[in-house]
C-alpha atoms as a PDB file:
ATOM      1  CA  UNK A   1     286.569  41.077-170.007  1.00  0.00           C
ATOM      2  CA  UNK A   2     288.961  40.876-167.048  1.00  0.00           C
ATOM      3  CA  UNK A   3     287.716  44.253-165.788  1.00  0.00           C
ATOM      4  CA  UNK A   4     284.123  42.990-165.977  1.00  0.00           C
ATOM      5  CA  UNK A   5     284.921  39.833-164.024  1.00  0.00           C
ATOM      6  CA  UNK A   6     286.885  41.818-161.455  1.00  0.00           C
ATOM      7  CA  UNK A   7     283.987  44.232-160.951  1.00  0.00           C
ATOM      8  CA  UNK A   8     281.544  41.317-160.597  1.00  0.00           C
ATOM      9  CA  UNK A   9     283.760  39.618-158.034  1.00  0.00           C
ATOM     10  CA  UNK A  10     283.940  42.847-156.064  1.00  0.00           C
ATOM     11  CA  UNK A  11     280.125  43.118-156.108  1.00  0.00           C
ATOM     12  CA  UNK A  12     279.895  39.496-154.914  1.00  0.00           C
ATOM     13  CA  UNK A  13     282.151  40.299-151.967  1.00  0.00           C
ATOM     14  CA  UNK A  14     280.196  43.453-151.175  1.00  0.00           C
ATOM     15  CA  UNK A  15     276.916  41.522-151.378  1.00  0.00           C
ATOM     16  CA  UNK A  16     278.283  38.953-148.949  1.00  0.00           C
ATOM     17  CA  UNK A  17     279.152  41.715-146.475  1.00  0.00           C
ATOM     18  CA  UNK A  18     275.783  43.357-147.062  1.00  0.00           C
ATOM     19  CA  UNK A  19     273.992  40.066-146.335  1.00  0.00           C
ATOM     20  CA  UNK A  20     275.725  39.919-142.968  1.00  0.00           C
ATOM     21  CA  UNK A  21     274.899  43.561-142.281  1.00  0.00           C
ATOM     22  CA  UNK A  22     271.296  42.968-143.382  1.00  0.00           C
ATOM     23  CA  UNK A  23     270.956  40.149-140.855  1.00  0.00           C
ATOM     24  CA  UNK A  24     272.298  42.448-138.142  1.00  0.00           C
ATOM     25  CA  UNK A  25     269.911  45.197-139.205  1.00  0.00           C
ATOM     26  CA  UNK A  26     266.895  42.867-139.099  1.00  0.00           C
ATOM     27  CA  UNK A  27     267.919  41.591-135.676  1.00  0.00           C
ATOM     28  CA  UNK A  28     267.966  45.198-134.432  1.00  0.00           C
ATOM     29  CA  UNK A  29     264.629  45.837-136.198  1.00  0.00           C
ATOM     30  CA  UNK A  30     263.170  42.847-134.353  1.00  0.00           C
ATOM     31  CA  UNK A  31     264.183  44.313-131.000  1.00  0.00           C
ATOM     32  CA  UNK A  32     262.565  47.607-132.014  1.00  0.00           C
ATOM     33  CA  UNK A  33     259.389  45.780-133.072  1.00  0.00           C
ATOM     34  CA  UNK A  34     259.189  43.962-129.734  1.00  0.00           C
ATOM     35  CA  UNK A  35     259.626  47.278-127.902  1.00  0.00           C
ATOM     36  CA  UNK A  36     256.904  48.881-130.022  1.00  0.00           C
ATOM     37  CA  UNK A  37     254.575  45.949-129.366  1.00  0.00           C
ATOM     38  CA  UNK A  38     255.142  46.155-125.608  1.00  0.00           C
ATOM     39  CA  UNK A  39     254.564  49.915-125.551  1.00  0.00           C
ATOM     40  CA  UNK A  40     251.726  50.140-128.071  1.00  0.00           C
ATOM     41  CA  UNK A  41     253.733  52.223-130.547  1.00  0.00           C
ATOM     42  CA  UNK A  42     253.261  52.548-134.292  1.00  0.00           C
ATOM     43  CA  UNK A  43     255.478  50.694-136.764  1.00  0.00           C
ATOM     44  CA  UNK A  44     255.621  53.822-138.894  1.00  0.00           C
ATOM     45  CA  UNK A  45     257.852  56.529-137.431  1.00  0.00           C
ATOM     46  CA  UNK A  46     258.066  59.183-140.140  1.00  0.00           C
ATOM     47  CA  UNK A  47     260.306  61.540-138.185  1.00  0.00           C
ATOM     48  CA  UNK A  48     262.831  58.778-137.534  1.00  0.00           C
ATOM     49  CA  UNK A  49     262.794  57.650-141.181  1.00  0.00           C
ATOM     50  CA  UNK A  50     263.298  61.197-142.457  1.00  0.00           C
ATOM     51  CA  UNK A  51     266.174  61.658-140.013  1.00  0.00           C
ATOM     52  CA  UNK A  52     267.899  58.452-141.199  1.00  0.00           C
ATOM     53  CA  UNK A  53     267.684  59.447-144.857  1.00  0.00           C
ATOM     54  CA  UNK A  54     268.839  63.046-144.261  1.00  0.00           C
ATOM     55  CA  UNK A  55     271.747  61.936-142.061  1.00  0.00           C
ATOM     56  CA  UNK A  56     272.967  58.968-144.095  1.00  0.00           C
ATOM     57  CA  UNK A  57     272.872  60.626-147.506  1.00  0.00           C
ATOM     58  CA  UNK A  58     275.392  63.176-146.197  1.00  0.00           C
ATOM     59  CA  UNK A  59     277.995  60.408-146.305  1.00  0.00           C
ATOM     60  CA  UNK A  60     277.650  60.101-150.104  1.00  0.00           C
ATOM     61  CA  UNK A  61     279.488  62.379-152.517  1.00  0.00           C
ATOM     62  CA  UNK A  62     277.928  63.321-155.844  1.00  0.00           C
ATOM     63  CA  UNK A  63     274.263  64.237-156.268  1.00  0.00           C
ATOM     64  CA  UNK A  64     273.442  61.295-158.573  1.00  0.00           C
ATOM     65  CA  UNK A  65     274.857  58.740-156.134  1.00  0.00           C
ATOM     66  CA  UNK A  66     273.190  60.593-153.251  1.00  0.00           C
ATOM     67  CA  UNK A  67     269.773  60.350-154.958  1.00  0.00           C
ATOM     68  CA  UNK A  68     270.205  56.635-155.658  1.00  0.00           C
ATOM     69  CA  UNK A  69     271.353  56.004-152.084  1.00  0.00           C
ATOM     70  CA  UNK A  70     268.278  57.825-150.750  1.00  0.00           C
ATOM     71  CA  UNK A  71     266.144  55.483-152.847  1.00  0.00           C
ATOM     72  CA  UNK A  72     268.118  52.492-151.527  1.00  0.00           C
ATOM     73  CA  UNK A  73     267.538  53.629-147.952  1.00  0.00           C
ATOM     74  CA  UNK A  74     263.811  54.117-148.520  1.00  0.00           C
ATOM     75  CA  UNK A  75     263.526  50.569-149.867  1.00  0.00           C
ATOM     76  CA  UNK A  76     265.551  49.185-146.970  1.00  0.00           C
ATOM     77  CA  UNK A  77     263.386  51.012-144.458  1.00  0.00           C
ATOM     78  CA  UNK A  78     260.235  49.720-146.188  1.00  0.00           C
ATOM     79  CA  UNK A  79     261.535  46.139-145.874  1.00  0.00           C
ATOM     80  CA  UNK A  80     262.365  46.749-142.216  1.00  0.00           C
ATOM     81  CA  UNK A  81     258.898  48.206-141.621  1.00  0.00           C
ATOM     82  CA  UNK A  82     257.243  45.184-143.242  1.00  0.00           C
ATOM     83  CA  UNK A  83     259.379  42.871-141.070  1.00  0.00           C
ATOM     84  CA  UNK A  84     258.394  44.782-137.922  1.00  0.00           C
ATOM     85  CA  UNK A  85     254.733  44.620-138.963  1.00  0.00           C
ATOM     86  CA  UNK A  86     254.948  40.835-139.298  1.00  0.00           C
ATOM     87  CA  UNK A  87     256.238  40.665-135.703  1.00  0.00           C
ATOM     88  CA  UNK A  88     253.652  43.069-134.320  1.00  0.00           C
ATOM     89  CA  UNK A  89     250.870  41.439-136.376  1.00  0.00           C
ATOM     90  CA  UNK A  90     248.403  39.982-133.924  1.00  0.00           C
ATOM     91  CA  UNK A  91     249.043  42.420-131.080  1.00  0.00           C
ATOM     92  CA  UNK A  92     245.898  42.200-128.950  1.00  0.00           C
ATOM     93  CA  UNK A  93     244.119  45.545-128.522  1.00  0.00           C
ATOM     94  CA  UNK A  94     241.324  45.816-125.958  1.00  0.00           C
ATOM     95  CA  UNK A  95     238.541  48.332-126.541  1.00  0.00           C
ATOM     96  CA  UNK A  96     235.147  49.008-125.009  1.00  0.00           C
ATOM     97  CA  UNK A  97     232.130  47.950-127.026  1.00  0.00           C
ATOM     98  CA  UNK A  98     231.826  45.833-130.104  1.00  0.00           C
ATOM     99  CA  UNK A  99     232.800  45.932-133.765  1.00  0.00           C
ATOM    100  CA  UNK A 100     231.693  49.240-135.256  1.00  0.00           C
ATOM    101  CA  UNK A 101     232.174  51.266-132.071  1.00  0.00           C
ATOM    102  CA  UNK A 102     234.237  54.429-132.434  1.00  0.00           C
ATOM    103  CA  UNK A 103     236.834  52.855-130.127  1.00  0.00           C
ATOM    104  CA  UNK A 104     237.029  49.930-132.553  1.00  0.00           C
ATOM    105  CA  UNK A 105     237.543  52.350-135.445  1.00  0.00           C
ATOM    106  CA  UNK A 106     240.317  54.063-133.451  1.00  0.00           C
ATOM    107  CA  UNK A 107     241.914  50.700-132.616  1.00  0.00           C
ATOM    108  CA  UNK A 108     241.976  49.715-136.299  1.00  0.00           C
ATOM    109  CA  UNK A 109     243.458  53.096-137.201  1.00  0.00           C
ATOM    110  CA  UNK A 110     246.215  52.785-134.606  1.00  0.00           C
ATOM    111  CA  UNK A 111     246.881  49.052-135.076  1.00  0.00           C
ATOM    112  CA  UNK A 112     245.899  48.039-138.621  1.00  0.00           C
ATOM    113  CA  UNK A 113     247.709  44.711-138.140  1.00  0.00           C
ATOM    114  CA  UNK A 114     246.428  44.123-134.618  1.00  0.00           C
ATOM    115  CA  UNK A 115     243.726  41.866-133.188  1.00  0.00           C
ATOM    116  CA  UNK A 116     240.955  44.033-131.766  1.00  0.00           C
ATOM    117  CA  UNK A 117     239.416  42.520-128.618  1.00  0.00           C
ATOM    118  CA  UNK A 118     235.934  43.829-127.696  1.00  0.00           C
ATOM    119  CA  UNK A 119     235.181  44.305-124.002  1.00  0.00           C
ATOM    120  CA  UNK A 120     231.882  45.020-122.264  1.00  0.00           C
ATOM    121  CA  UNK A 121     233.065  48.285-120.684  1.00  0.00           C
ATOM    122  CA  UNK A 122     236.046  50.551-120.006  1.00  0.00           C
ATOM    123  CA  UNK A 123     237.010  48.763-116.783  1.00  0.00           C
ATOM    124  CA  UNK A 124     237.093  45.345-118.469  1.00  0.00           C
ATOM    125  CA  UNK A 125     239.306  46.655-121.281  1.00  0.00           C
ATOM    126  CA  UNK A 126     241.645  48.322-118.784  1.00  0.00           C
ATOM    127  CA  UNK A 127     241.938  45.249-116.541  1.00  0.00           C
ATOM    128  CA  UNK A 128     242.518  43.003-119.575  1.00  0.00           C
ATOM    129  CA  UNK A 129     245.817  44.833-120.107  1.00  0.00           C
ATOM    130  CA  UNK A 130     246.723  44.944-116.414  1.00  0.00           C
ATOM    131  CA  UNK A 131     246.270  41.171-116.186  1.00  0.00           C
ATOM    132  CA  UNK A 132     248.288  40.501-119.344  1.00  0.00           C
ATOM    133  CA  UNK A 133     245.304  39.133-121.260  1.00  0.00           C
ATOM    134  CA  UNK A 134     245.776  41.891-123.865  1.00  0.00           C
ATOM    135  CA  UNK A 135     248.862  43.830-124.963  1.00  0.00           C
ATOM    136  CA  UNK A 136     247.255  47.280-124.889  1.00  0.00           C
ATOM    137  CA  UNK A 137     243.956  49.115-124.634  1.00  0.00           C
ATOM    138  CA  UNK A 138     242.558  51.941-126.764  1.00  0.00           C
ATOM    139  CA  UNK A 139     240.251  54.047-124.607  1.00  0.00           C
ATOM    140  CA  UNK A 140     238.671  57.512-125.032  1.00  0.00           C
ATOM    141  CA  UNK A 141     239.918  60.172-122.639  1.00  0.00           C
ATOM    142  CA  UNK A 142     238.248  63.358-123.900  1.00  0.00           C
ATOM    143  CA  UNK A 143     235.669  64.621-126.371  1.00  0.00           C
ATOM    144  CA  UNK A 144     235.885  68.109-127.863  1.00  0.00           C
ATOM    145  CA  UNK A 145     232.177  68.771-127.260  1.00  0.00           C
ATOM    146  CA  UNK A 146     231.250  66.687-124.224  1.00  0.00           C
ATOM    147  CA  UNK A 147     234.478  66.914-122.220  1.00  0.00           C
ATOM    148  CA  UNK A 148     236.364  64.273-120.283  1.00  0.00           C
ATOM    149  CA  UNK A 149     235.477  60.599-120.099  1.00  0.00           C
ATOM    150  CA  UNK A 150     235.363  60.431-116.315  1.00  0.00           C
ATOM    151  CA  UNK A 151     235.202  56.631-116.034  1.00  0.00           C
ATOM    152  CA  UNK A 152     238.499  56.292-117.896  1.00  0.00           C
ATOM    153  CA  UNK A 153     240.108  59.067-115.837  1.00  0.00           C
ATOM    154  CA  UNK A 154     239.130  57.195-112.658  1.00  0.00           C
ATOM    155  CA  UNK A 155     240.664  53.985-114.032  1.00  0.00           C
ATOM    156  CA  UNK A 156     243.926  55.817-114.718  1.00  0.00           C
ATOM    157  CA  UNK A 157     243.957  57.311-111.218  1.00  0.00           C
ATOM    158  CA  UNK A 158     243.531  53.964-109.512  1.00  0.00           C
ATOM    159  CA  UNK A 159     245.267  51.733-112.046  1.00  0.00           C
ATOM    160  CA  UNK A 160     248.783  50.919-113.175  1.00  0.00           C
ATOM    161  CA  UNK A 161     248.808  51.447-116.952  1.00  0.00           C
ATOM    162  CA  UNK A 162     250.712  54.109-118.889  1.00  0.00           C
ATOM    163  CA  UNK A 163     249.622  56.243-121.834  1.00  0.00           C
ATOM    164  CA  UNK A 164     252.169  56.003-124.638  1.00  0.00           C
ATOM    165  CA  UNK A 165     250.190  57.386-127.578  1.00  0.00           C
ATOM    166  CA  UNK A 166     247.268  59.738-128.060  1.00  0.00           C
ATOM    167  CA  UNK A 167     245.384  60.158-131.306  1.00  0.00           C
ATOM    168  CA  UNK A 168     242.354  62.162-132.398  1.00  0.00           C
ATOM    169  CA  UNK A 169     239.387  60.671-134.237  1.00  0.00           C
ATOM    170  CA  UNK A 170     236.694  62.787-135.891  1.00  0.00           C
ATOM    171  CA  UNK A 171     233.305  61.648-134.593  1.00  0.00           C
ATOM    172  CA  UNK A 172     230.266  61.796-136.866  1.00  0.00           C
ATOM    173  CA  UNK A 173     227.191  60.444-135.142  1.00  0.00           C
ATOM    174  CA  UNK A 174     224.390  58.990-137.239  1.00  0.00           C
ATOM    175  CA  UNK A 175     220.804  58.008-136.516  1.00  0.00           C
ATOM    176  CA  UNK A 176     220.389  54.301-137.279  1.00  0.00           C
ATOM    177  CA  UNK A 177     217.059  52.499-137.667  1.00  0.00           C
ATOM    178  CA  UNK A 178     215.746  49.145-138.842  1.00  0.00           C
ATOM    179  CA  UNK A 179     214.733  48.425-142.411  1.00  0.00           C
ATOM    180  CA  UNK A 180     211.594  50.302-143.387  1.00  0.00           C
ATOM    181  CA  UNK A 181     211.627  52.744-140.455  1.00  0.00           C
ATOM    182  CA  UNK A 182     211.263  56.479-141.095  1.00  0.00           C
ATOM    183  CA  UNK A 183     212.148  59.485-138.954  1.00  0.00           C
ATOM    184  CA  UNK A 184     208.442  59.846-138.121  1.00  0.00           C
ATOM    185  CA  UNK A 185     208.424  56.313-136.668  1.00  0.00           C
ATOM    186  CA  UNK A 186     211.169  57.050-134.138  1.00  0.00           C
ATOM    187  CA  UNK A 187     210.061  57.672-130.559  1.00  0.00           C
ATOM    188  CA  UNK A 188     213.185  56.688-128.606  1.00  0.00           C
ATOM    189  CA  UNK A 189     216.929  56.815-129.255  1.00  0.00           C
ATOM    190  CA  UNK A 190     219.518  54.758-127.409  1.00  0.00           C
ATOM    191  CA  UNK A 191     223.265  55.275-127.179  1.00  0.00           C
ATOM    192  CA  UNK A 192     226.197  55.875-124.878  1.00  0.00           C
ATOM    193  CA  UNK A 193     225.752  58.955-122.629  1.00  0.00           C
ATOM    194  CA  UNK A 194     228.602  60.744-124.416  1.00  0.00           C
ATOM    195  CA  UNK A 195     226.897  60.275-127.792  1.00  0.00           C
ATOM    196  CA  UNK A 196     223.540  61.377-126.392  1.00  0.00           C
ATOM    197  CA  UNK A 197     225.210  64.499-125.015  1.00  0.00           C
ATOM    198  CA  UNK A 198     226.859  65.242-128.353  1.00  0.00           C
ATOM    199  CA  UNK A 199     223.476  65.013-130.098  1.00  0.00           C
ATOM    200  CA  UNK A 200     221.345  66.624-127.371  1.00  0.00           C
ATOM    201  CA  UNK A 201     220.136  69.530-129.534  1.00  0.00           C
ATOM    202  CA  UNK A 202     219.078  67.207-132.363  1.00  0.00           C
ATOM    203  CA  UNK A 203     217.276  64.881-129.932  1.00  0.00           C
ATOM    204  CA  UNK A 204     215.457  67.787-128.293  1.00  0.00           C
ATOM    205  CA  UNK A 205     214.409  69.221-131.646  1.00  0.00           C
ATOM    206  CA  UNK A 206     212.957  65.864-132.725  1.00  0.00           C
ATOM    207  CA  UNK A 207     211.285  65.249-129.373  1.00  0.00           C
ATOM    208  CA  UNK A 208     212.811  61.789-128.898  1.00  0.00           C
ATOM    209  CA  UNK A 209     213.014  60.139-125.507  1.00  0.00           C
ATOM    210  CA  UNK A 210     216.453  58.773-124.631  1.00  0.00           C
ATOM    211  CA  UNK A 211     217.833  55.647-123.039  1.00  0.00           C
ATOM    212  CA  UNK A 212     221.466  55.225-122.075  1.00  0.00           C
ATOM    213  CA  UNK A 213     223.420  52.265-123.360  1.00  0.00           C
ATOM    214  CA  UNK A 214     226.907  51.086-122.474  1.00  0.00           C
ATOM    215  CA  UNK A 215     228.260  51.630-125.992  1.00  0.00           C
ATOM    216  CA  UNK A 216     227.202  53.133-129.320  1.00  0.00           C
ATOM    217  CA  UNK A 217     227.837  49.973-131.357  1.00  0.00           C
ATOM    218  CA  UNK A 218     226.112  47.767-128.762  1.00  0.00           C
ATOM    219  CA  UNK A 219     223.128  50.116-129.031  1.00  0.00           C
ATOM    220  CA  UNK A 220     223.119  49.597-132.800  1.00  0.00           C
ATOM    221  CA  UNK A 221     223.316  45.828-132.310  1.00  0.00           C
ATOM    222  CA  UNK A 222     220.369  45.978-129.888  1.00  0.00           C
ATOM    223  CA  UNK A 223     218.230  47.946-132.375  1.00  0.00           C
ATOM    224  CA  UNK A 224     219.044  45.451-135.130  1.00  0.00           C
ATOM    225  CA  UNK A 225     218.106  42.448-132.971  1.00  0.00           C
ATOM    226  CA  UNK A 226     214.998  44.084-131.473  1.00  0.00           C
ATOM    227  CA  UNK A 227     213.525  45.085-134.838  1.00  0.00           C
ATOM    228  CA  UNK A 228     211.357  47.862-133.350  1.00  0.00           C
ATOM    229  CA  UNK A 229     210.763  50.675-135.861  1.00  0.00           C
ATOM    230  CA  UNK A 230     210.154  53.154-133.039  1.00  0.00           C
ATOM    231  CA  UNK A 231     213.645  52.738-131.570  1.00  0.00           C
ATOM    232  CA  UNK A 232     216.833  54.063-133.205  1.00  0.00           C
ATOM    233  CA  UNK A 233     220.473  54.049-132.201  1.00  0.00           C
ATOM    234  CA  UNK A 234     222.988  56.856-132.355  1.00  0.00           C
ATOM    235  CA  UNK A 235     226.246  55.352-133.572  1.00  0.00           C
ATOM    236  CA  UNK A 236     228.730  55.331-136.447  1.00  0.00           C
ATOM    237  CA  UNK A 237     227.797  54.729-140.070  1.00  0.00           C
ATOM    238  CA  UNK A 238     230.167  51.752-139.920  1.00  0.00           C
ATOM    239  CA  UNK A 239     227.958  50.205-137.231  1.00  0.00           C
ATOM    240  CA  UNK A 240     224.963  50.515-139.561  1.00  0.00           C
ATOM    241  CA  UNK A 241     226.798  48.547-142.233  1.00  0.00           C
ATOM    242  CA  UNK A 242     227.927  45.879-139.768  1.00  0.00           C
ATOM    243  CA  UNK A 243     224.501  45.302-138.164  1.00  0.00           C
ATOM    244  CA  UNK A 244     222.341  45.779-141.242  1.00  0.00           C
ATOM    245  CA  UNK A 245     220.693  49.052-140.200  1.00  0.00           C
ATOM    246  CA  UNK A 246     219.739  52.066-142.283  1.00  0.00           C
ATOM    247  CA  UNK A 247     221.474  55.388-141.814  1.00  0.00           C
ATOM    248  CA  UNK A 248     218.440  57.594-141.369  1.00  0.00           C
ATOM    249  CA  UNK A 249     220.385  60.821-140.872  1.00  0.00           C
ATOM    250  CA  UNK A 250     224.105  61.582-140.778  1.00  0.00           C
ATOM    251  CA  UNK A 251     226.183  64.054-138.772  1.00  0.00           C
ATOM    252  CA  UNK A 252     223.514  64.736-136.143  1.00  0.00           C
ATOM    253  CA  UNK A 253     226.028  65.794-133.492  1.00  0.00           C
ATOM    254  CA  UNK A 254     225.807  69.481-132.581  1.00  0.00           C
ATOM    255  CA  UNK A 255     229.514  70.188-133.046  1.00  0.00           C
ATOM    256  CA  UNK A 256     230.566  69.456-136.632  1.00  0.00           C
ATOM    257  CA  UNK A 257     234.173  69.504-135.447  1.00  0.00           C
ATOM    258  CA  UNK A 258     233.374  66.779-132.925  1.00  0.00           C
ATOM    259  CA  UNK A 259     236.592  64.934-132.078  1.00  0.00           C
ATOM    260  CA  UNK A 260     237.488  62.328-129.490  1.00  0.00           C
ATOM    261  CA  UNK A 261     241.003  61.789-128.161  1.00  0.00           C
ATOM    262  CA  UNK A 262     241.874  58.129-127.727  1.00  0.00           C
ATOM    263  CA  UNK A 263     244.821  56.929-125.651  1.00  0.00           C
ATOM    264  CA  UNK A 264     246.862  53.763-126.066  1.00  0.00           C
ATOM    265  CA  UNK A 265     247.517  52.278-122.634  1.00  0.00           C
ATOM    266  CA  UNK A 266     250.103  49.606-121.859  1.00  0.00           C
ATOM    267  CA  UNK A 267     251.795  48.027-118.863  1.00  0.00           C
ATOM    268  CA  UNK A 268     255.185  49.475-119.810  1.00  0.00           C
ATOM    269  CA  UNK A 269     256.174  53.143-119.955  1.00  0.00           C
ATOM    270  CA  UNK A 270     257.706  54.425-123.183  1.00  0.00           C
ATOM    271  CA  UNK A 271     261.057  56.215-122.886  1.00  0.00           C
ATOM    272  CA  UNK A 272     261.898  56.450-126.594  1.00  0.00           C
ATOM    273  CA  UNK A 273     260.670  59.683-128.127  1.00  0.00           C
ATOM    274  CA  UNK A 274     261.982  61.245-131.344  1.00  0.00           C
ATOM    275  CA  UNK A 275     264.338  64.186-130.701  1.00  0.00           C
ATOM    276  CA  UNK A 276     262.731  67.619-130.494  1.00  0.00           C
ATOM    277  CA  UNK A 277     259.235  66.136-130.332  1.00  0.00           C
ATOM    278  CA  UNK A 278     256.364  68.186-128.942  1.00  0.00           C
ATOM    279  CA  UNK A 279     255.622  66.130-125.840  1.00  0.00           C
ATOM    280  CA  UNK A 280     252.856  66.195-123.256  1.00  0.00           C
ATOM    281  CA  UNK A 281     252.905  64.756-119.744  1.00  0.00           C
ATOM    282  CA  UNK A 282     249.794  63.668-117.890  1.00  0.00           C
ATOM    283  CA  UNK A 283     249.783  64.019-114.093  1.00  0.00           C
ATOM    284  CA  UNK A 284     247.158  62.834-111.627  1.00  0.00           C
ATOM    285  CA  UNK A 285     247.456  64.063-108.059  1.00  0.00           C
ATOM    286  CA  UNK A 286     245.742  64.906-104.791  1.00  0.00           C
ATOM    287  CA  UNK A 287     246.949  67.792-102.655  1.00  0.00           C
ATOM    288  CA  UNK A 288     247.230  67.874 -98.876  1.00  0.00           C
ATOM    289  CA  UNK A 289     244.080  69.056 -97.099  1.00  0.00           C
ATOM    290  CA  UNK A 290     245.361  72.483 -96.127  1.00  0.00           C
ATOM    291  CA  UNK A 291     244.738  76.074 -97.207  1.00  0.00           C
ATOM    292  CA  UNK A 292     246.356  77.095-100.497  1.00  0.00           C
ATOM    293  CA  UNK A 293     247.730  73.616-101.264  1.00  0.00           C
ATOM    294  CA  UNK A 294     246.404  73.513-104.825  1.00  0.00           C
ATOM    295  CA  UNK A 295     247.586  77.041-105.595  1.00  0.00           C
ATOM    296  CA  UNK A 296     251.081  76.156-104.336  1.00  0.00           C
ATOM    297  CA  UNK A 297     251.137  73.016-106.474  1.00  0.00           C
ATOM    298  CA  UNK A 298     250.153  74.986-109.571  1.00  0.00           C
ATOM    299  CA  UNK A 299     252.803  77.606-108.786  1.00  0.00           C
ATOM    300  CA  UNK A 300     255.448  74.860-108.691  1.00  0.00           C
ATOM    301  CA  UNK A 301     254.358  73.666-112.132  1.00  0.00           C
ATOM    302  CA  UNK A 302     254.514  77.192-113.551  1.00  0.00           C
ATOM    303  CA  UNK A 303     257.858  78.039-111.941  1.00  0.00           C
ATOM    304  CA  UNK A 304     259.444  75.058-113.708  1.00  0.00           C
ATOM    305  CA  UNK A 305     258.299  76.297-117.118  1.00  0.00           C
ATOM    306  CA  UNK A 306     255.430  73.884-117.713  1.00  0.00           C
ATOM    307  CA  UNK A 307     252.236  75.212-119.230  1.00  0.00           C
ATOM    308  CA  UNK A 308     249.002  73.359-118.478  1.00  0.00           C
ATOM    309  CA  UNK A 309     246.926  72.517-121.525  1.00  0.00           C
ATOM    310  CA  UNK A 310     244.248  70.906-119.347  1.00  0.00           C
ATOM    311  CA  UNK A 311     243.393  71.062-115.634  1.00  0.00           C
ATOM    312  CA  UNK A 312     240.360  69.241-114.259  1.00  0.00           C
ATOM    313  CA  UNK A 313     239.144  67.893-110.933  1.00  0.00           C
ATOM    314  CA  UNK A 314     237.393  64.593-110.219  1.00  0.00           C
ATOM    315  CA  UNK A 315     235.817  63.368-106.967  1.00  0.00           C
ATOM    316  CA  UNK A 316     237.733  60.563-105.271  1.00  0.00           C
ATOM    317  CA  UNK A 317     235.789  57.360-104.743  1.00  0.00           C
ATOM    318  CA  UNK A 318     237.042  56.528-101.275  1.00  0.00           C
ATOM    319  CA  UNK A 319     236.739  59.923 -99.502  1.00  0.00           C
ATOM    320  CA  UNK A 320     233.590  62.039 -99.648  1.00  0.00           C
ATOM    321  CA  UNK A 321     233.965  65.649-100.836  1.00  0.00           C
ATOM    322  CA  UNK A 322     237.621  65.188-101.742  1.00  0.00           C
ATOM    323  CA  UNK A 323     239.017  65.511-105.223  1.00  0.00           C
ATOM    324  CA  UNK A 324     241.963  64.536-107.341  1.00  0.00           C
ATOM    325  CA  UNK A 325     243.333  66.599-110.228  1.00  0.00           C
ATOM    326  CA  UNK A 326     244.066  65.792-113.857  1.00  0.00           C
ATOM    327  CA  UNK A 327     246.734  68.007-115.426  1.00  0.00           C
ATOM    328  CA  UNK A 328     248.087  67.699-118.959  1.00  0.00           C
ATOM    329  CA  UNK A 329     251.366  69.595-119.153  1.00  0.00           C
ATOM    330  CA  UNK A 330     253.165  70.714-122.287  1.00  0.00           C
ATOM    331  CA  UNK A 331     256.642  69.231-121.951  1.00  0.00           C
ATOM    332  CA  UNK A 332     258.458  66.168-120.625  1.00  0.00           C
ATOM    333  CA  UNK A 333     258.405  65.748-116.837  1.00  0.00           C
ATOM    334  CA  UNK A 334     261.373  63.393-117.148  1.00  0.00           C
ATOM    335  CA  UNK A 335     263.615  66.307-118.135  1.00  0.00           C
ATOM    336  CA  UNK A 336     265.895  67.869-115.497  1.00  0.00           C
ATOM    337  CA  UNK A 337     263.353  70.633-114.828  1.00  0.00           C
ATOM    338  CA  UNK A 338     260.564  68.075-114.786  1.00  0.00           C
ATOM    339  CA  UNK A 339     262.277  65.806-112.264  1.00  0.00           C
ATOM    340  CA  UNK A 340     262.924  68.769-109.976  1.00  0.00           C
ATOM    341  CA  UNK A 341     259.279  69.813-110.325  1.00  0.00           C
ATOM    342  CA  UNK A 342     258.078  66.292-109.475  1.00  0.00           C
ATOM    343  CA  UNK A 343     260.251  66.225-106.352  1.00  0.00           C
ATOM    344  CA  UNK A 344     258.764  69.516-105.154  1.00  0.00           C
ATOM    345  CA  UNK A 345     255.221  68.453-106.035  1.00  0.00           C
ATOM    346  CA  UNK A 346     255.671  65.204-104.157  1.00  0.00           C
ATOM    347  CA  UNK A 347     256.088  67.177-100.943  1.00  0.00           C
ATOM    348  CA  UNK A 348     252.806  69.021-101.619  1.00  0.00           C
ATOM    349  CA  UNK A 349     250.748  66.020-102.689  1.00  0.00           C
ATOM    350  CA  UNK A 350     249.239  63.052-100.874  1.00  0.00           C
ATOM    351  CA  UNK A 351     249.321  61.142-104.161  1.00  0.00           C
ATOM    352  CA  UNK A 352     251.211  62.001-107.346  1.00  0.00           C
ATOM    353  CA  UNK A 353     251.637  59.913-110.474  1.00  0.00           C
ATOM    354  CA  UNK A 354     252.728  60.518-114.024  1.00  0.00           C
ATOM    355  CA  UNK A 355     250.383  58.468-116.205  1.00  0.00           C
ATOM    356  CA  UNK A 356     252.405  58.967-119.346  1.00  0.00           C
ATOM    357  CA  UNK A 357     254.546  61.080-121.642  1.00  0.00           C
ATOM    358  CA  UNK A 358     253.464  61.124-125.282  1.00  0.00           C
ATOM    359  CA  UNK A 359     253.620  63.158-128.472  1.00  0.00           C
ATOM    360  CA  UNK A 360     251.139  66.021-128.515  1.00  0.00           C
ATOM    361  CA  UNK A 361     248.935  64.524-131.229  1.00  0.00           C
ATOM    362  CA  UNK A 362     248.859  62.206-134.209  1.00  0.00           C
END
């Protein structure tokens, strides 16, 4: 009996110490949550969680105790994650379009606890974050079939936000019509230019006329309100459900592997990346107006061991027939080699900015 009481007293003392340590742990978790909210990062960090469990279980002797401690850690991490989610809950996420747009779907995927804020266009969503009205923006930067989203690239070139996350979303475009409409009734389709481009072969085969709209979901909303059987929208199946339209045909985009990359943009730059992560750096720059300037800039990038996954040019808005360049590099430009490269590039460029460093893909 005395041994039992002694053991219980020892557990009581340990629990008291653990309560104090738990409070300290939650305080640290709160700071992490606030950082993640500011930088548009996910609550779930699988690599970090796996590292904690692998490292901490090494301190336990005996396989049975080790297994139980791993379970204890997993439960503790789950509690911490739930606590962080409660802090991040309500993070305001700007996106272009309305509910049911692919950007809205991406925003819900990235921030399931967030408050999605619809904006009329890319520029409005971007400026909402710059002004502090929203915490972050989820904007498309590239489509696997139709290429770059030039409007967003221009915003990045002239703006002040940073990319801290990039994710890929499979895009399945559907033809949406009003109740009672058939394919034979359709004369015109409306959608965002990117969606029209992705479905160009289907549209041509059907002989539809096209009309550009600012957003796929807004096009679906327009069709629903207009009630014209001869007009259909190209948008997501989710938009059909939201606006009470019929999905007349699914997966009408030419490329069945159609994917759009969405970026999370915030006012603050993220400096916390898991160790040994596959990172990308996005540079935007203009070169001096002299012979061979671009070639020299690209040589500098290559000499410092950075491979370019993407290189594109865009016309500048303020100077006719002049261009700026968009380069996605494999690697972290904030490394020693990267900093040296940026110093050398700065001498070759009229304008040079790193828009963000992020993990290669989610």
